[in-house]
């Protein structure tokens, strides 16, 4: 069964504040094999996913969204950064479903996650496409 088009335009509640530390940056850089930024002064661009993932979970676990996690694959991910993420930042994220279309019997869910400091300063935008196979497929 296809996902409901009413999902488009829906924004989810902000994530809990996430305190960025040098240790978390170093751990993330090591996990992705980034030895250039591994000193922890500046997070790799993809570090934004750590915060964006919490917002994505709001969508994936919301019963009204109708998404069945076992039928989802991650189709695409992009990041746009307003400024580097640094130790001491306290970040939160809000996910919005921007698009929903069907292709080859699959729902293509386009999301945008705005990542800001708790003071409201924009830090990054994470865009993702989820591919969802309907329950009857």
C-alpha atoms as a PDB file:
ATOM      1  CA  UNK A   1       0.000   0.000   0.000  1.00  0.00           C
ATOM      2  CA  UNK A   2       1.472   3.373  -0.968  1.00  0.00           C
ATOM      3  CA  UNK A   3       2.281   5.970   1.655  1.00  0.00           C
ATOM      4  CA  UNK A   4      -0.245   8.759   2.148  1.00  0.00           C
ATOM      5  CA  UNK A   5       0.534  11.984   0.245  1.00  0.00           C
ATOM      6  CA  UNK A   6      -0.492  13.892   3.392  1.00  0.00           C
ATOM      7  CA  UNK A   7       2.999  13.076   4.639  1.00  0.00           C
ATOM      8  CA  UNK A   8       4.398  15.756   2.299  1.00  0.00           C
ATOM      9  CA  UNK A   9       5.016  19.006   4.160  1.00  0.00           C
ATOM     10  CA  UNK A  10       4.904  17.376   7.565  1.00  0.00           C
ATOM     11  CA  UNK A  11       7.618  18.423  10.014  1.00  0.00           C
ATOM     12  CA  UNK A  12       8.521  16.421  13.067  1.00  0.00           C
ATOM     13  CA  UNK A  13       9.385  17.654  16.554  1.00  0.00           C
ATOM     14  CA  UNK A  14      12.928  18.907  17.133  1.00  0.00           C
ATOM     15  CA  UNK A  15      15.410  16.362  18.417  1.00  0.00           C
ATOM     16  CA  UNK A  16      16.803  16.571  21.917  1.00  0.00           C
ATOM     17  CA  UNK A  17      19.888  18.805  22.138  1.00  0.00           C
ATOM     18  CA  UNK A  18      23.107  17.042  21.139  1.00  0.00           C
ATOM     19  CA  UNK A  19      26.315  18.338  22.723  1.00  0.00           C
ATOM     20  CA  UNK A  20      29.242  18.141  20.307  1.00  0.00           C
ATOM     21  CA  UNK A  21      32.546  17.283  21.961  1.00  0.00           C
ATOM     22  CA  UNK A  22      36.050  16.850  20.651  1.00  0.00           C
ATOM     23  CA  UNK A  23      35.877  13.175  21.657  1.00  0.00           C
ATOM     24  CA  UNK A  24      32.700  12.583  19.640  1.00  0.00           C
ATOM     25  CA  UNK A  25      34.249  14.250  16.597  1.00  0.00           C
ATOM     26  CA  UNK A  26      37.436  12.168  16.896  1.00  0.00           C
ATOM     27  CA  UNK A  27      35.403   8.949  17.287  1.00  0.00           C
ATOM     28  CA  UNK A  28      33.295   9.790  14.240  1.00  0.00           C
ATOM     29  CA  UNK A  29      36.331  10.730  12.139  1.00  0.00           C
ATOM     30  CA  UNK A  30      38.032   7.451  13.089  1.00  0.00           C
ATOM     31  CA  UNK A  31      34.888   5.476  12.227  1.00  0.00           C
ATOM     32  CA  UNK A  32      34.803   6.910   8.708  1.00  0.00           C
ATOM     33  CA  UNK A  33      38.575   6.726   8.235  1.00  0.00           C
ATOM     34  CA  UNK A  34      39.074  10.492   8.163  1.00  0.00           C
ATOM     35  CA  UNK A  35      42.545  11.163   9.504  1.00  0.00           C
ATOM     36  CA  UNK A  36      42.694  14.724   8.164  1.00  0.00           C
ATOM     37  CA  UNK A  37      40.101  16.154  10.557  1.00  0.00           C
ATOM     38  CA  UNK A  38      40.717  13.589  13.297  1.00  0.00           C
ATOM     39  CA  UNK A  39      42.154  16.180  15.681  1.00  0.00           C
ATOM     40  CA  UNK A  40      38.601  17.110  16.684  1.00  0.00           C
ATOM     41  CA  UNK A  41      38.734  20.877  16.115  1.00  0.00           C
ATOM     42  CA  UNK A  42      36.302  20.693  13.186  1.00  0.00           C
ATOM     43  CA  UNK A  43      33.836  17.906  12.475  1.00  0.00           C
ATOM     44  CA  UNK A  44      33.763  16.212   9.070  1.00  0.00           C
ATOM     45  CA  UNK A  45      30.873  17.424   6.895  1.00  0.00           C
ATOM     46  CA  UNK A  46      29.049  14.120   7.329  1.00  0.00           C
ATOM     47  CA  UNK A  47      29.084  14.479  11.144  1.00  0.00           C
ATOM     48  CA  UNK A  48      25.767  16.286  10.660  1.00  0.00           C
ATOM     49  CA  UNK A  49      24.251  12.840  10.106  1.00  0.00           C
ATOM     50  CA  UNK A  50      24.755  12.051  13.799  1.00  0.00           C
ATOM     51  CA  UNK A  51      22.178  14.713  14.637  1.00  0.00           C
ATOM     52  CA  UNK A  52      20.038  14.198  11.520  1.00  0.00           C
ATOM     53  CA  UNK A  53      19.671  10.480  12.315  1.00  0.00           C
ATOM     54  CA  UNK A  54      17.713  11.297  15.460  1.00  0.00           C
ATOM     55  CA  UNK A  55      15.288  13.347  13.374  1.00  0.00           C
ATOM     56  CA  UNK A  56      15.038  10.542  10.789  1.00  0.00           C
ATOM     57  CA  UNK A  57      14.078   8.136  13.578  1.00  0.00           C
ATOM     58  CA  UNK A  58      11.101  10.377  14.402  1.00  0.00           C
ATOM     59  CA  UNK A  59       9.792   9.761  10.881  1.00  0.00           C
ATOM     60  CA  UNK A  60      10.646   6.069  10.787  1.00  0.00           C
ATOM     61  CA  UNK A  61       8.993   5.256  14.110  1.00  0.00           C
ATOM     62  CA  UNK A  62       5.876   7.418  13.751  1.00  0.00           C
ATOM     63  CA  UNK A  63       2.910   5.045  13.312  1.00  0.00           C
ATOM     64  CA  UNK A  64       0.950   7.699  11.379  1.00  0.00           C
ATOM     65  CA  UNK A  65       3.682   7.900   8.730  1.00  0.00           C
ATOM     66  CA  UNK A  66       3.033   4.275   7.778  1.00  0.00           C
ATOM     67  CA  UNK A  67       6.665   3.446   7.085  1.00  0.00           C
ATOM     68  CA  UNK A  68       7.706  -0.131   7.748  1.00  0.00           C
ATOM     69  CA  UNK A  69      11.390  -0.042   8.654  1.00  0.00           C
ATOM     70  CA  UNK A  70      12.083  -3.524   7.277  1.00  0.00           C
ATOM     71  CA  UNK A  71      10.903  -2.246   3.858  1.00  0.00           C
ATOM     72  CA  UNK A  72      13.217   0.804   3.737  1.00  0.00           C
ATOM     73  CA  UNK A  73      16.523   1.331   2.010  1.00  0.00           C
ATOM     74  CA  UNK A  74      18.532   4.529   2.099  1.00  0.00           C
ATOM     75  CA  UNK A  75      18.630   5.821  -1.464  1.00  0.00           C
ATOM     76  CA  UNK A  76      20.530   9.109  -1.221  1.00  0.00           C
ATOM     77  CA  UNK A  77      22.146  11.510   1.248  1.00  0.00           C
ATOM     78  CA  UNK A  78      23.481  15.060   0.783  1.00  0.00           C
ATOM     79  CA  UNK A  79      24.779  17.697   3.174  1.00  0.00           C
ATOM     80  CA  UNK A  80      24.974  21.474   2.875  1.00  0.00           C
ATOM     81  CA  UNK A  81      26.862  23.261   5.596  1.00  0.00           C
ATOM     82  CA  UNK A  82      26.361  26.884   6.680  1.00  0.00           C
ATOM     83  CA  UNK A  83      29.338  26.705   8.973  1.00  0.00           C
ATOM     84  CA  UNK A  84      31.596  24.004  10.422  1.00  0.00           C
ATOM     85  CA  UNK A  85      30.441  21.953  13.390  1.00  0.00           C
ATOM     86  CA  UNK A  86      32.829  22.422  16.307  1.00  0.00           C
ATOM     87  CA  UNK A  87      33.242  21.195  19.885  1.00  0.00           C
ATOM     88  CA  UNK A  88      30.943  23.136  22.188  1.00  0.00           C
ATOM     89  CA  UNK A  89      28.076  23.302  19.705  1.00  0.00           C
ATOM     90  CA  UNK A  90      24.750  22.094  21.056  1.00  0.00           C
ATOM     91  CA  UNK A  91      22.651  21.039  18.087  1.00  0.00           C
ATOM     92  CA  UNK A  92      19.080  20.081  17.361  1.00  0.00           C
ATOM     93  CA  UNK A  93      17.371  18.973  14.155  1.00  0.00           C
ATOM     94  CA  UNK A  94      13.935  19.167  12.548  1.00  0.00           C
ATOM     95  CA  UNK A  95      13.005  16.813   9.704  1.00  0.00           C
ATOM     96  CA  UNK A  96      10.440  17.758   7.063  1.00  0.00           C
ATOM     97  CA  UNK A  97       9.104  15.469   4.357  1.00  0.00           C
ATOM     98  CA  UNK A  98       9.577  17.484   1.160  1.00  0.00           C
ATOM     99  CA  UNK A  99       8.499  15.015  -1.515  1.00  0.00           C
ATOM    100  CA  UNK A 100       6.762  11.698  -1.968  1.00  0.00           C
ATOM    101  CA  UNK A 101       6.484   9.985  -5.319  1.00  0.00           C
ATOM    102  CA  UNK A 102       6.039   6.488  -6.622  1.00  0.00           C
ATOM    103  CA  UNK A 103       8.540   4.813  -8.947  1.00  0.00           C
ATOM    104  CA  UNK A 104       8.551   1.139  -9.948  1.00  0.00           C
ATOM    105  CA  UNK A 105       6.086   0.294  -7.201  1.00  0.00           C
ATOM    106  CA  UNK A 106       8.216   1.954  -4.516  1.00  0.00           C
ATOM    107  CA  UNK A 107       7.606   5.131  -2.533  1.00  0.00           C
ATOM    108  CA  UNK A 108      10.457   7.617  -2.818  1.00  0.00           C
ATOM    109  CA  UNK A 109      10.402   9.808   0.302  1.00  0.00           C
ATOM    110  CA  UNK A 110      12.479  12.988   0.077  1.00  0.00           C
ATOM    111  CA  UNK A 111      13.400  14.524   3.418  1.00  0.00           C
ATOM    112  CA  UNK A 112      15.133  17.715   4.534  1.00  0.00           C
ATOM    113  CA  UNK A 113      16.601  18.028   8.006  1.00  0.00           C
ATOM    114  CA  UNK A 114      17.557  21.477   9.248  1.00  0.00           C
ATOM    115  CA  UNK A 115      20.269  21.353  11.890  1.00  0.00           C
ATOM    116  CA  UNK A 116      20.655  24.381  14.135  1.00  0.00           C
ATOM    117  CA  UNK A 117      22.231  25.339  17.409  1.00  0.00           C
ATOM    118  CA  UNK A 118      19.847  25.523  20.343  1.00  0.00           C
ATOM    119  CA  UNK A 119      20.131  29.314  19.935  1.00  0.00           C
ATOM    120  CA  UNK A 120      18.714  29.010  16.405  1.00  0.00           C
ATOM    121  CA  UNK A 121      21.865  29.472  14.297  1.00  0.00           C
ATOM    122  CA  UNK A 122      21.652  27.370  11.128  1.00  0.00           C
ATOM    123  CA  UNK A 123      24.548  24.914  10.848  1.00  0.00           C
ATOM    124  CA  UNK A 124      23.633  22.393   8.130  1.00  0.00           C
ATOM    125  CA  UNK A 125      20.907  20.904   5.985  1.00  0.00           C
ATOM    126  CA  UNK A 126      20.811  17.159   5.427  1.00  0.00           C
ATOM    127  CA  UNK A 127      18.735  15.837   2.548  1.00  0.00           C
ATOM    128  CA  UNK A 128      17.904  12.170   2.162  1.00  0.00           C
ATOM    129  CA  UNK A 129      15.832   9.951  -0.054  1.00  0.00           C
ATOM    130  CA  UNK A 130      14.307   6.837   1.458  1.00  0.00           C
ATOM    131  CA  UNK A 131      12.980   4.082  -0.766  1.00  0.00           C
ATOM    132  CA  UNK A 132       9.999   2.308   0.797  1.00  0.00           C
ATOM    133  CA  UNK A 133       8.456  -0.867  -0.523  1.00  0.00           C
ATOM    134  CA  UNK A 134       4.799  -0.931   0.461  1.00  0.00           C
ATOM    135  CA  UNK A 135       3.545  -3.646   2.785  1.00  0.00           C
ATOM    136  CA  UNK A 136       1.729  -5.453  -0.017  1.00  0.00           C
ATOM    137  CA  UNK A 137       4.706  -5.446  -2.397  1.00  0.00           C
END
